[in-house]
Amino acid sequence: MIKKRNYFIYYFAKFSTLIGFLALLIIIQNLGGLITSLKYAEILRAYGTDMSNYLSQVAIYAYVLSPINILALFLNVFVFKDNKNNINKIFLILSIASTVYYLLFFAGRLPILMIVICFISDYIFKHFKHPVLSMILLSFLLLVLLNKLDNLFFYISYGKIPDTEGSVFEKLVQEFYFPYQTLVNIDQINQMYGFRYGIDYFTPIINIIPTSILNIFGLSKIASSYSFISNFFDPNGITMGGTPTDMISFGIRQLGIISLVFHSIFISILCCFVDNICKKISIQYTFISVRLSLILFVLVAYSDLDSLFRNRFDMIILLLLFYFYTRNYKER
């Protein structure tokens, strides 16, 4: 029996599972099969790649839509915990299979780590006496695995392990030093490309509209903030993933220190909003609370809102769904 306040999430879980599965089928068919498609993972996620060289227009839309598979996974786990019937079990298995392929195809370590953290922390907080200590130990373990995941995805795409030099510590520093690198050069970046004047708060709204519709009104897509920073450090476009815009750099890019203060206030309000939602979610669904909290973690290093809405829109939809879920719960 489905709890009355869970109806909307129940049906949205089914809808997102079917849409996500269909999107992956279109991509797989377009790239010549299940195994062959995985070989294009690193190429398609590279910064500056023209997807039209590899995918049809329909497949490009499917590619953009495919992160909905992660949303489907979290919603199906939520629904299955509420009601363990056969239909929910089938949809859960389907969403797990789709998510595994999605993670392999998109070849991103961050999405994998953020999913693993959600479900492991859910288990730890329910079964361990010292959950915080356990989470700290888990964090160190996951950091060590970062490079291993890189090697795995490179091997899937190219059939060999990349030749890299340096210790594990040096590789970890290389993974997380990009915000400091950007901050050191932020004045030069602003001088070269100019301020953004707050346009980055609106690019998600504008860029989500298809190009064909924008052309009717004589408009076009707006370049994302991270594209300028990526071009500054790599004008030839050799870097596979580009350079993200961290939270401080995002604020300074708008209009200097003054806009950084405004952006800090904006992030603080968002923190309170997410925190209030998480407080109302039962401990039975800790994995949902952790997933929502990770939105704020992502914004520290990957603060470009256009990139967030495009690549992590599953998290945005999850946040909205559970905002209405907790609000209805409070009213009852």
C-alpha atoms as a PDB file:
ATOM      1  CA  MET A   1       0.000   0.000   0.000  1.00  0.00           C
ATOM      2  CA  ILE A   2       1.491   3.341  -1.072  1.00  0.00           C
ATOM      3  CA  LYS A   3       1.393   6.117   1.483  1.00  0.00           C
ATOM      4  CA  LYS A   4      -0.832   8.879   0.177  1.00  0.00           C
ATOM      5  CA  ARG A   5       1.861  11.580   0.281  1.00  0.00           C
ATOM      6  CA  ASN A   6       4.176   9.319  -1.772  1.00  0.00           C
ATOM      7  CA  TYR A   7       1.895   9.020  -4.820  1.00  0.00           C
ATOM      8  CA  PHE A   8       3.631  11.702  -6.878  1.00  0.00           C
ATOM      9  CA  ILE A   9       7.112  10.323  -6.155  1.00  0.00           C
ATOM     10  CA  TYR A  10       5.851   6.795  -6.942  1.00  0.00           C
ATOM     11  CA  TYR A  11       4.655   7.721 -10.427  1.00  0.00           C
ATOM     12  CA  PHE A  12       7.594  10.036 -11.116  1.00  0.00           C
ATOM     13  CA  ALA A  13       9.936   7.136 -10.295  1.00  0.00           C
ATOM     14  CA  LYS A  14       8.244   4.981 -12.927  1.00  0.00           C
ATOM     15  CA  PHE A  15       8.206   7.787 -15.494  1.00  0.00           C
ATOM     16  CA  SER A  16      11.880   8.716 -15.008  1.00  0.00           C
ATOM     17  CA  THR A  17      12.940   5.044 -15.191  1.00  0.00           C
ATOM     18  CA  LEU A  18      11.251   4.525 -18.559  1.00  0.00           C
ATOM     19  CA  ILE A  19      12.495   7.835 -19.998  1.00  0.00           C
ATOM     20  CA  GLY A  20      16.046   7.195 -18.802  1.00  0.00           C
ATOM     21  CA  PHE A  21      16.093   3.635 -20.126  1.00  0.00           C
ATOM     22  CA  LEU A  22      14.757   4.806 -23.514  1.00  0.00           C
ATOM     23  CA  ALA A  23      17.415   7.539 -23.701  1.00  0.00           C
ATOM     24  CA  LEU A  24      20.191   4.998 -23.123  1.00  0.00           C
ATOM     25  CA  LEU A  25      18.745   2.639 -25.738  1.00  0.00           C
ATOM     26  CA  ILE A  26      18.814   5.464 -28.313  1.00  0.00           C
ATOM     27  CA  ILE A  27      22.471   6.215 -27.489  1.00  0.00           C
ATOM     28  CA  ILE A  28      23.479   2.532 -27.598  1.00  0.00           C
ATOM     29  CA  GLN A  29      21.733   1.989 -30.940  1.00  0.00           C
ATOM     30  CA  ASN A  30      23.243   5.178 -32.392  1.00  0.00           C
ATOM     31  CA  LEU A  31      26.803   4.210 -31.424  1.00  0.00           C
ATOM     32  CA  GLY A  32      26.610   0.641 -32.706  1.00  0.00           C
ATOM     33  CA  GLY A  33      25.864  -1.479 -29.665  1.00  0.00           C
ATOM     34  CA  LEU A  34      26.423  -1.825 -25.933  1.00  0.00           C
ATOM     35  CA  ILE A  35      30.164  -2.536 -25.898  1.00  0.00           C
ATOM     36  CA  THR A  36      31.040  -0.251 -28.808  1.00  0.00           C
ATOM     37  CA  SER A  37      29.245   2.716 -27.233  1.00  0.00           C
ATOM     38  CA  LEU A  38      31.439   2.556 -24.118  1.00  0.00           C
ATOM     39  CA  LYS A  39      34.519   3.220 -26.259  1.00  0.00           C
ATOM     40  CA  TYR A  40      33.167   6.688 -27.025  1.00  0.00           C
ATOM     41  CA  ALA A  41      32.772   7.644 -23.350  1.00  0.00           C
ATOM     42  CA  GLU A  42      36.009   9.631 -22.899  1.00  0.00           C
ATOM     43  CA  ILE A  43      35.660  11.283 -26.306  1.00  0.00           C
ATOM     44  CA  LEU A  44      32.092  12.515 -25.788  1.00  0.00           C
ATOM     45  CA  ARG A  45      32.712  13.950 -22.329  1.00  0.00           C
ATOM     46  CA  ALA A  46      35.827  15.842 -23.433  1.00  0.00           C
ATOM     47  CA  TYR A  47      35.599  19.625 -23.264  1.00  0.00           C
ATOM     48  CA  GLY A  48      34.753  21.169 -26.642  1.00  0.00           C
ATOM     49  CA  THR A  49      33.705  17.917 -28.366  1.00  0.00           C
ATOM     50  CA  ASP A  50      31.187  18.419 -31.181  1.00  0.00           C
ATOM     51  CA  MET A  51      28.666  15.674 -30.406  1.00  0.00           C
ATOM     52  CA  SER A  52      27.073  15.979 -33.829  1.00  0.00           C
ATOM     53  CA  ASN A  53      30.172  14.216 -35.214  1.00  0.00           C
ATOM     54  CA  TYR A  54      29.226  11.076 -33.277  1.00  0.00           C
ATOM     55  CA  LEU A  55      25.507  11.278 -32.460  1.00  0.00           C
ATOM     56  CA  SER A  56      22.340  12.026 -34.384  1.00  0.00           C
ATOM     57  CA  GLN A  57      20.195  14.971 -33.252  1.00  0.00           C
ATOM     58  CA  VAL A  58      17.794  12.621 -31.454  1.00  0.00           C
ATOM     59  CA  ALA A  59      20.700  10.853 -29.749  1.00  0.00           C
ATOM     60  CA  ILE A  60      22.142  14.216 -28.609  1.00  0.00           C
ATOM     61  CA  TYR A  61      18.844  15.000 -26.881  1.00  0.00           C
ATOM     62  CA  ALA A  62      18.937  11.509 -25.337  1.00  0.00           C
ATOM     63  CA  TYR A  63      22.506  12.141 -24.171  1.00  0.00           C
ATOM     64  CA  VAL A  64      21.482  15.371 -22.446  1.00  0.00           C
ATOM     65  CA  LEU A  65      18.456  13.664 -20.873  1.00  0.00           C
ATOM     66  CA  SER A  66      20.250  10.526 -19.664  1.00  0.00           C
ATOM     67  CA  PRO A  67      21.245  11.835 -16.161  1.00  0.00           C
ATOM     68  CA  ILE A  68      17.591  11.229 -15.295  1.00  0.00           C
ATOM     69  CA  ASN A  69      18.674   7.613 -14.730  1.00  0.00           C
ATOM     70  CA  ILE A  70      20.359   8.649 -11.477  1.00  0.00           C
ATOM     71  CA  LEU A  71      17.169  10.392 -10.348  1.00  0.00           C
ATOM     72  CA  ALA A  72      15.233   7.210 -11.176  1.00  0.00           C
ATOM     73  CA  LEU A  73      17.591   5.138  -9.029  1.00  0.00           C
ATOM     74  CA  PHE A  74      17.091   7.265  -5.911  1.00  0.00           C
ATOM     75  CA  LEU A  75      13.333   7.499  -6.395  1.00  0.00           C
ATOM     76  CA  ASN A  76      12.996   3.750  -6.953  1.00  0.00           C
ATOM     77  CA  VAL A  77      15.000   2.937  -3.822  1.00  0.00           C
ATOM     78  CA  PHE A  78      12.759   5.356  -1.909  1.00  0.00           C
ATOM     79  CA  VAL A  79       9.589   3.745  -3.323  1.00  0.00           C
ATOM     80  CA  PHE A  80      10.867   0.197  -2.748  1.00  0.00           C
ATOM     81  CA  LYS A  81      11.581   0.964   0.908  1.00  0.00           C
ATOM     82  CA  ASP A  82       7.986   2.178   1.160  1.00  0.00           C
ATOM     83  CA  ASN A  83       6.456  -0.841  -0.617  1.00  0.00           C
ATOM     84  CA  LYS A  84       8.429  -3.963  -1.585  1.00  0.00           C
ATOM     85  CA  ASN A  85       6.037  -5.381  -4.195  1.00  0.00           C
ATOM     86  CA  ASN A  86       7.081  -7.048  -7.471  1.00  0.00           C
ATOM     87  CA  ILE A  87       6.399  -4.027  -9.684  1.00  0.00           C
ATOM     88  CA  ASN A  88       8.597  -1.802  -7.544  1.00  0.00           C
ATOM     89  CA  LYS A  89      11.280  -4.505  -7.514  1.00  0.00           C
ATOM     90  CA  ILE A  90      11.293  -4.722 -11.325  1.00  0.00           C
ATOM     91  CA  PHE A  91      11.598  -0.953 -11.699  1.00  0.00           C
ATOM     92  CA  LEU A  92      14.352  -0.867  -9.081  1.00  0.00           C
ATOM     93  CA  ILE A  93      16.370  -3.533 -10.920  1.00  0.00           C
ATOM     94  CA  LEU A  94      15.836  -1.717 -14.229  1.00  0.00           C
ATOM     95  CA  SER A  95      16.982   1.600 -12.755  1.00  0.00           C
ATOM     96  CA  ILE A  96      20.079  -0.038 -11.199  1.00  0.00           C
ATOM     97  CA  ALA A  97      21.042  -1.573 -14.560  1.00  0.00           C
ATOM     98  CA  SER A  98      20.471   1.733 -16.384  1.00  0.00           C
ATOM     99  CA  THR A  99      22.473   3.682 -13.810  1.00  0.00           C
ATOM    100  CA  VAL A 100      25.432   1.274 -14.001  1.00  0.00           C
ATOM    101  CA  TYR A 101      25.590   1.691 -17.783  1.00  0.00           C
ATOM    102  CA  TYR A 102      25.113   5.462 -17.487  1.00  0.00           C
ATOM    103  CA  LEU A 103      28.034   5.744 -15.056  1.00  0.00           C
ATOM    104  CA  LEU A 104      30.294   3.642 -17.263  1.00  0.00           C
ATOM    105  CA  PHE A 105      29.311   5.563 -20.380  1.00  0.00           C
ATOM    106  CA  PHE A 106      29.678   9.034 -18.912  1.00  0.00           C
ATOM    107  CA  ALA A 107      33.035   7.992 -17.463  1.00  0.00           C
ATOM    108  CA  GLY A 108      32.857  10.399 -14.542  1.00  0.00           C
ATOM    109  CA  ARG A 109      34.345   9.638 -11.148  1.00  0.00           C
ATOM    110  CA  LEU A 110      32.364  12.329  -9.343  1.00  0.00           C
ATOM    111  CA  PRO A 111      28.890  10.901 -10.176  1.00  0.00           C
ATOM    112  CA  ILE A 112      30.027   7.430  -9.060  1.00  0.00           C
ATOM    113  CA  LEU A 113      31.501   8.670  -5.784  1.00  0.00           C
ATOM    114  CA  MET A 114      28.428  10.758  -4.995  1.00  0.00           C
ATOM    115  CA  ILE A 115      26.140   7.759  -5.465  1.00  0.00           C
ATOM    116  CA  VAL A 116      28.374   5.406  -3.469  1.00  0.00           C
ATOM    117  CA  ILE A 117      28.629   7.922  -0.618  1.00  0.00           C
ATOM    118  CA  CYS A 118      24.839   8.246  -0.397  1.00  0.00           C
ATOM    119  CA  PHE A 119      24.092   4.553   0.065  1.00  0.00           C
ATOM    120  CA  ILE A 120      27.148   3.672   2.151  1.00  0.00           C
ATOM    121  CA  SER A 121      26.519   6.599   4.520  1.00  0.00           C
ATOM    122  CA  ASP A 122      22.873   5.501   4.765  1.00  0.00           C
ATOM    123  CA  TYR A 123      24.075   2.074   5.953  1.00  0.00           C
ATOM    124  CA  ILE A 124      26.770   3.497   8.258  1.00  0.00           C
ATOM    125  CA  PHE A 125      24.470   5.924  10.079  1.00  0.00           C
ATOM    126  CA  LYS A 126      21.969   3.137  10.759  1.00  0.00           C
ATOM    127  CA  HIS A 127      24.343   0.348  11.808  1.00  0.00           C
ATOM    128  CA  PHE A 128      27.561   1.885  13.198  1.00  0.00           C
ATOM    129  CA  LYS A 129      28.059   3.264  16.704  1.00  0.00           C
ATOM    130  CA  HIS A 130      30.534   5.918  15.516  1.00  0.00           C
ATOM    131  CA  PRO A 131      29.239   6.941  12.091  1.00  0.00           C
ATOM    132  CA  VAL A 132      31.288  10.151  11.798  1.00  0.00           C
ATOM    133  CA  LEU A 133      34.580   8.305  12.349  1.00  0.00           C
ATOM    134  CA  SER A 134      33.516   5.641   9.867  1.00  0.00           C
ATOM    135  CA  MET A 135      32.680   8.308   7.281  1.00  0.00           C
ATOM    136  CA  ILE A 136      36.115   9.915   7.707  1.00  0.00           C
ATOM    137  CA  LEU A 137      37.822   6.563   7.083  1.00  0.00           C
ATOM    138  CA  LEU A 138      35.558   5.959   4.084  1.00  0.00           C
ATOM    139  CA  SER A 139      36.492   9.371   2.664  1.00  0.00           C
ATOM    140  CA  PHE A 140      40.197   8.517   2.704  1.00  0.00           C
ATOM    141  CA  LEU A 141      39.475   5.208   0.993  1.00  0.00           C
ATOM    142  CA  LEU A 142      37.436   6.879  -1.750  1.00  0.00           C
ATOM    143  CA  LEU A 143      40.173   9.467  -2.344  1.00  0.00           C
ATOM    144  CA  VAL A 144      42.661   6.674  -2.965  1.00  0.00           C
ATOM    145  CA  LEU A 145      40.218   5.079  -5.437  1.00  0.00           C
ATOM    146  CA  LEU A 146      39.982   8.240  -7.573  1.00  0.00           C
ATOM    147  CA  ASN A 147      42.992   7.390  -9.698  1.00  0.00           C
ATOM    148  CA  LYS A 148      41.879   3.749 -10.044  1.00  0.00           C
ATOM    149  CA  LEU A 149      38.553   4.902 -11.477  1.00  0.00           C
ATOM    150  CA  ASP A 150      40.387   7.123 -13.951  1.00  0.00           C
ATOM    151  CA  ASN A 151      42.422   4.143 -15.122  1.00  0.00           C
ATOM    152  CA  LEU A 152      39.272   2.025 -15.461  1.00  0.00           C
ATOM    153  CA  PHE A 153      37.472   4.540 -17.664  1.00  0.00           C
ATOM    154  CA  PHE A 154      40.565   5.141 -19.786  1.00  0.00           C
ATOM    155  CA  TYR A 155      40.952   1.399 -20.293  1.00  0.00           C
ATOM    156  CA  ILE A 156      37.287   1.027 -21.343  1.00  0.00           C
ATOM    157  CA  SER A 157      37.728   3.734 -23.995  1.00  0.00           C
ATOM    158  CA  TYR A 158      41.243   3.027 -25.253  1.00  0.00           C
ATOM    159  CA  GLY A 159      42.056  -0.545 -24.169  1.00  0.00           C
ATOM    160  CA  LYS A 160      45.122   0.392 -22.121  1.00  0.00           C
ATOM    161  CA  ILE A 161      46.138   1.940 -18.801  1.00  0.00           C
ATOM    162  CA  PRO A 162      47.420   5.545 -19.110  1.00  0.00           C
ATOM    163  CA  ASP A 163      51.080   6.208 -18.367  1.00  0.00           C
ATOM    164  CA  THR A 164      51.212   8.521 -15.349  1.00  0.00           C
ATOM    165  CA  GLU A 165      53.974   9.656 -13.023  1.00  0.00           C
ATOM    166  CA  GLY A 166      53.994  10.726  -9.393  1.00  0.00           C
ATOM    167  CA  SER A 167      52.897   9.374  -6.031  1.00  0.00           C
ATOM    168  CA  VAL A 168      49.320   8.913  -4.851  1.00  0.00           C
ATOM    169  CA  PHE A 169      49.610  12.128  -2.828  1.00  0.00           C
ATOM    170  CA  GLU A 170      50.839  14.110  -5.851  1.00  0.00           C
ATOM    171  CA  LYS A 171      47.938  12.824  -7.929  1.00  0.00           C
ATOM    172  CA  LEU A 172      45.436  13.845  -5.235  1.00  0.00           C
ATOM    173  CA  VAL A 173      46.906  17.346  -5.165  1.00  0.00           C
ATOM    174  CA  GLN A 174      46.544  17.530  -8.945  1.00  0.00           C
ATOM    175  CA  GLU A 175      42.890  16.483  -8.630  1.00  0.00           C
ATOM    176  CA  PHE A 176      41.932  19.338  -6.303  1.00  0.00           C
ATOM    177  CA  TYR A 177      44.309  22.206  -6.995  1.00  0.00           C
ATOM    178  CA  PHE A 178      42.308  23.757  -9.849  1.00  0.00           C
ATOM    179  CA  PRO A 179      40.295  26.192  -7.650  1.00  0.00           C
ATOM    180  CA  TYR A 180      43.530  27.647  -6.262  1.00  0.00           C
ATOM    181  CA  GLN A 181      44.988  27.862  -9.744  1.00  0.00           C
ATOM    182  CA  THR A 182      41.930  29.790 -10.913  1.00  0.00           C
ATOM    183  CA  LEU A 183      41.971  32.177  -7.941  1.00  0.00           C
ATOM    184  CA  VAL A 184      45.630  33.027  -8.505  1.00  0.00           C
ATOM    185  CA  ASN A 185      44.809  34.011 -12.097  1.00  0.00           C
ATOM    186  CA  ILE A 186      41.306  35.435 -11.581  1.00  0.00           C
ATOM    187  CA  ASP A 187      42.354  39.068 -12.174  1.00  0.00           C
ATOM    188  CA  GLN A 188      43.984  38.122 -15.485  1.00  0.00           C
ATOM    189  CA  ILE A 189      40.899  36.134 -16.483  1.00  0.00           C
ATOM    190  CA  ASN A 190      38.643  39.126 -15.783  1.00  0.00           C
ATOM    191  CA  GLN A 191      40.955  41.467 -17.687  1.00  0.00           C
ATOM    192  CA  MET A 192      41.049  39.139 -20.684  1.00  0.00           C
ATOM    193  CA  TYR A 193      37.340  38.251 -20.896  1.00  0.00           C
ATOM    194  CA  GLY A 194      35.655  40.965 -18.833  1.00  0.00           C
ATOM    195  CA  PHE A 195      33.131  40.606 -15.995  1.00  0.00           C
ATOM    196  CA  ARG A 196      30.012  38.463 -16.399  1.00  0.00           C
ATOM    197  CA  TYR A 197      27.685  41.044 -14.766  1.00  0.00           C
ATOM    198  CA  GLY A 198      25.393  38.401 -13.273  1.00  0.00           C
ATOM    199  CA  ILE A 199      24.518  36.706 -16.569  1.00  0.00           C
ATOM    200  CA  ASP A 200      25.672  33.357 -15.134  1.00  0.00           C
ATOM    201  CA  TYR A 201      22.628  33.317 -12.845  1.00  0.00           C
ATOM    202  CA  PHE A 202      20.366  33.290 -15.902  1.00  0.00           C
ATOM    203  CA  THR A 203      22.258  31.129 -18.415  1.00  0.00           C
ATOM    204  CA  PRO A 204      20.579  27.908 -17.136  1.00  0.00           C
ATOM    205  CA  ILE A 205      17.173  29.369 -18.040  1.00  0.00           C
ATOM    206  CA  ILE A 206      18.279  30.601 -21.471  1.00  0.00           C
ATOM    207  CA  ASN A 207      20.480  27.680 -22.486  1.00  0.00           C
ATOM    208  CA  ILE A 208      17.866  25.062 -21.657  1.00  0.00           C
ATOM    209  CA  ILE A 209      15.786  26.377 -24.586  1.00  0.00           C
ATOM    210  CA  PRO A 210      16.551  24.515 -27.869  1.00  0.00           C
ATOM    211  CA  THR A 211      18.661  26.455 -30.378  1.00  0.00           C
ATOM    212  CA  SER A 212      15.930  26.166 -33.039  1.00  0.00           C
ATOM    213  CA  ILE A 213      13.506  28.093 -30.816  1.00  0.00           C
ATOM    214  CA  LEU A 214      16.094  30.732 -29.845  1.00  0.00           C
ATOM    215  CA  ASN A 215      16.846  31.327 -33.534  1.00  0.00           C
ATOM    216  CA  ILE A 216      13.212  32.298 -34.130  1.00  0.00           C
ATOM    217  CA  PHE A 217      13.714  35.292 -31.831  1.00  0.00           C
ATOM    218  CA  GLY A 218      17.203  36.055 -33.115  1.00  0.00           C
ATOM    219  CA  LEU A 219      18.847  34.714 -29.960  1.00  0.00           C
ATOM    220  CA  SER A 220      21.583  32.151 -29.340  1.00  0.00           C
ATOM    221  CA  LYS A 221      23.078  30.131 -26.505  1.00  0.00           C
ATOM    222  CA  ILE A 222      25.205  32.010 -23.965  1.00  0.00           C
ATOM    223  CA  ALA A 223      28.730  30.733 -23.300  1.00  0.00           C
ATOM    224  CA  SER A 224      29.035  29.246 -19.812  1.00  0.00           C
ATOM    225  CA  SER A 225      31.407  30.729 -17.260  1.00  0.00           C
ATOM    226  CA  TYR A 226      33.629  27.639 -17.168  1.00  0.00           C
ATOM    227  CA  SER A 227      34.258  27.829 -20.941  1.00  0.00           C
ATOM    228  CA  PHE A 228      36.227  31.076 -20.498  1.00  0.00           C
ATOM    229  CA  ILE A 229      38.320  29.688 -17.641  1.00  0.00           C
ATOM    230  CA  SER A 230      38.930  26.479 -19.589  1.00  0.00           C
ATOM    231  CA  ASN A 231      40.030  28.518 -22.606  1.00  0.00           C
ATOM    232  CA  PHE A 232      42.359  30.625 -20.436  1.00  0.00           C
ATOM    233  CA  PHE A 233      44.270  27.598 -19.161  1.00  0.00           C
ATOM    234  CA  ASP A 234      43.954  25.519 -22.315  1.00  0.00           C
ATOM    235  CA  PRO A 235      43.403  27.696 -25.423  1.00  0.00           C
ATOM    236  CA  ASN A 236      44.001  24.707 -27.712  1.00  0.00           C
ATOM    237  CA  GLY A 237      41.298  22.585 -26.039  1.00  0.00           C
ATOM    238  CA  ILE A 238      43.558  19.671 -25.158  1.00  0.00           C
ATOM    239  CA  THR A 239      42.278  19.175 -21.586  1.00  0.00           C
ATOM    240  CA  MET A 240      39.633  16.421 -21.574  1.00  0.00           C
ATOM    241  CA  GLY A 241      37.212  17.885 -19.058  1.00  0.00           C
ATOM    242  CA  GLY A 242      37.924  21.600 -19.073  1.00  0.00           C
ATOM    243  CA  THR A 243      38.446  23.692 -15.910  1.00  0.00           C
ATOM    244  CA  PRO A 244      35.409  24.121 -13.605  1.00  0.00           C
ATOM    245  CA  THR A 245      34.475  27.420 -11.961  1.00  0.00           C
ATOM    246  CA  ASP A 246      34.750  27.200  -8.168  1.00  0.00           C
ATOM    247  CA  MET A 247      32.434  29.090  -5.808  1.00  0.00           C
ATOM    248  CA  ILE A 248      34.770  32.019  -5.061  1.00  0.00           C
ATOM    249  CA  SER A 249      35.860  32.465  -8.668  1.00  0.00           C
ATOM    250  CA  PHE A 250      32.216  32.375  -9.806  1.00  0.00           C
ATOM    251  CA  GLY A 251      31.408  35.278  -7.480  1.00  0.00           C
ATOM    252  CA  ILE A 252      34.446  37.347  -8.487  1.00  0.00           C
ATOM    253  CA  ARG A 253      33.788  36.725 -12.189  1.00  0.00           C
ATOM    254  CA  GLN A 254      30.459  38.569 -11.975  1.00  0.00           C
ATOM    255  CA  LEU A 255      31.608  42.001 -10.731  1.00  0.00           C
ATOM    256  CA  GLY A 256      34.610  41.559  -8.452  1.00  0.00           C
ATOM    257  CA  ILE A 257      34.583  41.384  -4.641  1.00  0.00           C
ATOM    258  CA  ILE A 258      31.166  43.079  -4.386  1.00  0.00           C
ATOM    259  CA  SER A 259      29.488  40.282  -6.345  1.00  0.00           C
ATOM    260  CA  LEU A 260      31.398  37.678  -4.291  1.00  0.00           C
ATOM    261  CA  VAL A 261      29.581  38.976  -1.193  1.00  0.00           C
ATOM    262  CA  PHE A 262      26.249  38.664  -2.994  1.00  0.00           C
ATOM    263  CA  HIS A 263      27.080  35.150  -4.193  1.00  0.00           C
ATOM    264  CA  SER A 264      28.065  34.115  -0.647  1.00  0.00           C
ATOM    265  CA  ILE A 265      24.675  35.292   0.618  1.00  0.00           C
ATOM    266  CA  PHE A 266      22.984  33.371  -2.214  1.00  0.00           C
ATOM    267  CA  ILE A 267      24.832  30.166  -1.275  1.00  0.00           C
ATOM    268  CA  SER A 268      23.978  30.682   2.425  1.00  0.00           C
ATOM    269  CA  ILE A 269      20.268  30.968   1.615  1.00  0.00           C
ATOM    270  CA  LEU A 270      20.482  27.822  -0.522  1.00  0.00           C
ATOM    271  CA  CYS A 271      22.216  26.005   2.360  1.00  0.00           C
ATOM    272  CA  CYS A 272      19.378  26.906   4.733  1.00  0.00           C
ATOM    273  CA  PHE A 273      16.796  25.806   2.163  1.00  0.00           C
ATOM    274  CA  VAL A 274      18.401  22.401   1.642  1.00  0.00           C
ATOM    275  CA  ASP A 275      19.040  21.948   5.366  1.00  0.00           C
ATOM    276  CA  ASN A 276      15.375  22.566   6.221  1.00  0.00           C
ATOM    277  CA  ILE A 277      14.302  19.917   3.727  1.00  0.00           C
ATOM    278  CA  CYS A 278      16.825  17.363   5.021  1.00  0.00           C
ATOM    279  CA  LYS A 279      15.667  17.876   8.618  1.00  0.00           C
ATOM    280  CA  LYS A 280      12.151  16.750   7.665  1.00  0.00           C
ATOM    281  CA  ILE A 281      13.223  13.573   5.862  1.00  0.00           C
ATOM    282  CA  SER A 282      13.038  10.423   7.980  1.00  0.00           C
ATOM    283  CA  ILE A 283      16.289   8.661   8.961  1.00  0.00           C
ATOM    284  CA  GLN A 284      14.895   5.717   6.993  1.00  0.00           C
ATOM    285  CA  TYR A 285      15.742   7.728   3.873  1.00  0.00           C
ATOM    286  CA  THR A 286      19.178   9.029   4.884  1.00  0.00           C
ATOM    287  CA  PHE A 287      20.458   8.366   1.352  1.00  0.00           C
ATOM    288  CA  ILE A 288      18.048  11.053   0.084  1.00  0.00           C
ATOM    289  CA  SER A 289      19.247  13.601   2.649  1.00  0.00           C
ATOM    290  CA  VAL A 290      22.883  12.920   1.761  1.00  0.00           C
ATOM    291  CA  ARG A 291      22.126  13.226  -1.940  1.00  0.00           C
ATOM    292  CA  LEU A 292      20.476  16.622  -1.439  1.00  0.00           C
ATOM    293  CA  SER A 293      23.329  17.808   0.783  1.00  0.00           C
ATOM    294  CA  LEU A 294      25.823  16.911  -1.940  1.00  0.00           C
ATOM    295  CA  ILE A 295      24.354  19.681  -4.102  1.00  0.00           C
ATOM    296  CA  LEU A 296      26.145  22.114  -1.806  1.00  0.00           C
ATOM    297  CA  PHE A 297      29.345  20.052  -1.977  1.00  0.00           C
ATOM    298  CA  VAL A 298      29.235  20.208  -5.774  1.00  0.00           C
ATOM    299  CA  LEU A 299      28.742  23.985  -5.729  1.00  0.00           C
ATOM    300  CA  VAL A 300      31.995  24.556  -3.827  1.00  0.00           C
ATOM    301  CA  ALA A 301      34.199  23.349  -6.678  1.00  0.00           C
ATOM    302  CA  TYR A 302      31.696  23.298  -9.582  1.00  0.00           C
ATOM    303  CA  SER A 303      29.743  26.485  -9.081  1.00  0.00           C
ATOM    304  CA  ASP A 304      28.820  27.208 -12.699  1.00  0.00           C
ATOM    305  CA  LEU A 305      25.014  27.105 -12.523  1.00  0.00           C
ATOM    306  CA  ASP A 306      24.634  26.377 -16.233  1.00  0.00           C
ATOM    307  CA  SER A 307      26.835  23.287 -15.880  1.00  0.00           C
ATOM    308  CA  LEU A 308      25.005  22.259 -12.687  1.00  0.00           C
ATOM    309  CA  PHE A 309      21.553  22.445 -14.293  1.00  0.00           C
ATOM    310  CA  ARG A 310      22.740  20.663 -17.429  1.00  0.00           C
ATOM    311  CA  ASN A 311      24.830  17.866 -15.895  1.00  0.00           C
ATOM    312  CA  ARG A 312      23.234  17.514 -12.451  1.00  0.00           C
ATOM    313  CA  PHE A 313      19.614  18.335 -13.219  1.00  0.00           C
ATOM    314  CA  ASP A 314      18.673  15.038 -11.552  1.00  0.00           C
ATOM    315  CA  MET A 315      19.745  16.577  -8.227  1.00  0.00           C
ATOM    316  CA  ILE A 316      17.696  19.724  -8.895  1.00  0.00           C
ATOM    317  CA  ILE A 317      14.559  17.692  -9.656  1.00  0.00           C
ATOM    318  CA  LEU A 318      15.154  15.536  -6.558  1.00  0.00           C
ATOM    319  CA  LEU A 319      15.424  18.695  -4.457  1.00  0.00           C
ATOM    320  CA  LEU A 320      12.135  20.054  -5.819  1.00  0.00           C
ATOM    321  CA  LEU A 321      10.333  16.730  -5.378  1.00  0.00           C
ATOM    322  CA  PHE A 322      11.330  16.439  -1.740  1.00  0.00           C
ATOM    323  CA  TYR A 323      10.606  20.089  -1.085  1.00  0.00           C
ATOM    324  CA  PHE A 324       6.961  19.388  -1.961  1.00  0.00           C
ATOM    325  CA  TYR A 325       7.108  16.016  -0.209  1.00  0.00           C
ATOM    326  CA  THR A 326       8.288  17.541   3.111  1.00  0.00           C
ATOM    327  CA  ARG A 327       5.920  20.484   2.810  1.00  0.00           C
ATOM    328  CA  ASN A 328       2.901  18.169   2.382  1.00  0.00           C
ATOM    329  CA  TYR A 329       4.197  16.000   5.184  1.00  0.00           C
ATOM    330  CA  LYS A 330       4.315  19.008   7.511  1.00  0.00           C
ATOM    331  CA  GLU A 331       0.802  20.028   6.596  1.00  0.00           C
ATOM    332  CA  ARG A 332      -0.511  16.571   7.532  1.00  0.00           C
END
